[in-house]
């Protein structure tokens, strides 16, 4: 006799049930939460993109920091905000190091949800984060899009989701990337260690087999040979043969350019990838496609790619 349900069906039903419960809790809490004052701050005059951005603490997701366009009126039925979930360096439970970068990305029309409470000006934050918080960000965005009490109601493109992160956050990205809802992954200054468990406390203990679970186009941004993650990231790139993958190296070391004005070169390149992968912007995609690719013509970057054209 054939079983009534396959393991895949049971797993999907479990996911649906969990999402239903999460949605109910979120909607109930929002009736109280939206009556509270929403902490927010304008970073670098809102960024360089066409949608001046704001950083805020949403009362219904106090464990994360939101970066989004300030004016949501132009988003709705025909124009929506793709989702970007972000994990921080050093497994930090605060995006304080990446505020300029994330704000700049958001100013181009994205909903960026970073792990950790919103940092005060000059505050470095504290505590450790986990990969599950990246999935929490995705769950929240999908649920809040259905919440009529939220200013984001009906304005989010829940079919376009990126997981992204730096260093430990890059490993959290790789751990979260197999989620079937994810449509692209961006791994910054990171790569899977050759021996699982040898990283800092709290770091995801992944083996190179994790790379086989990737199912979306993937971008690696590394800091050149002086980046402590360079060898790990380049080894990842060499092993990935089943999905489109692009690697860019800029000789800036492990710290990248996140803290530079408007996130520096990393923000420029990452934003082009997000616009291509999440918005279908073919002009932005020219930075990564073609022979040679647009980015390969920059004196600041060394690049390689597979399965792209």
Foldseek 3Di string as FASTA:
>chain_A
DDDPDDPVRVVVVVVVVVLVVVLVVLLVVLVVQVVDDKDKDQDLQQADAPFRKIWIQRSSCQQKIKIARPDLVVFADPAAAEEEEEQEAPQAQENVLQVLLVSNLRSNRHIYIYGHGYADVVDPHGDGHALVVSVVRLSVLVSLCCHPSDPNPRRHDQQEYEYEYAALSLQSQLVPQLPPSYAEYERELAAQDCAFPPDDPRRDRDHLVSLVSHDHEYEYEHAPPQAPRVVRVVVNQVPRAPYKYKYKYFNPYRSQQSNPRSGPPVSLLVSLVCCCRRVVPVVSVQCPDDVVGVVCPDPRIDMDIHPPD
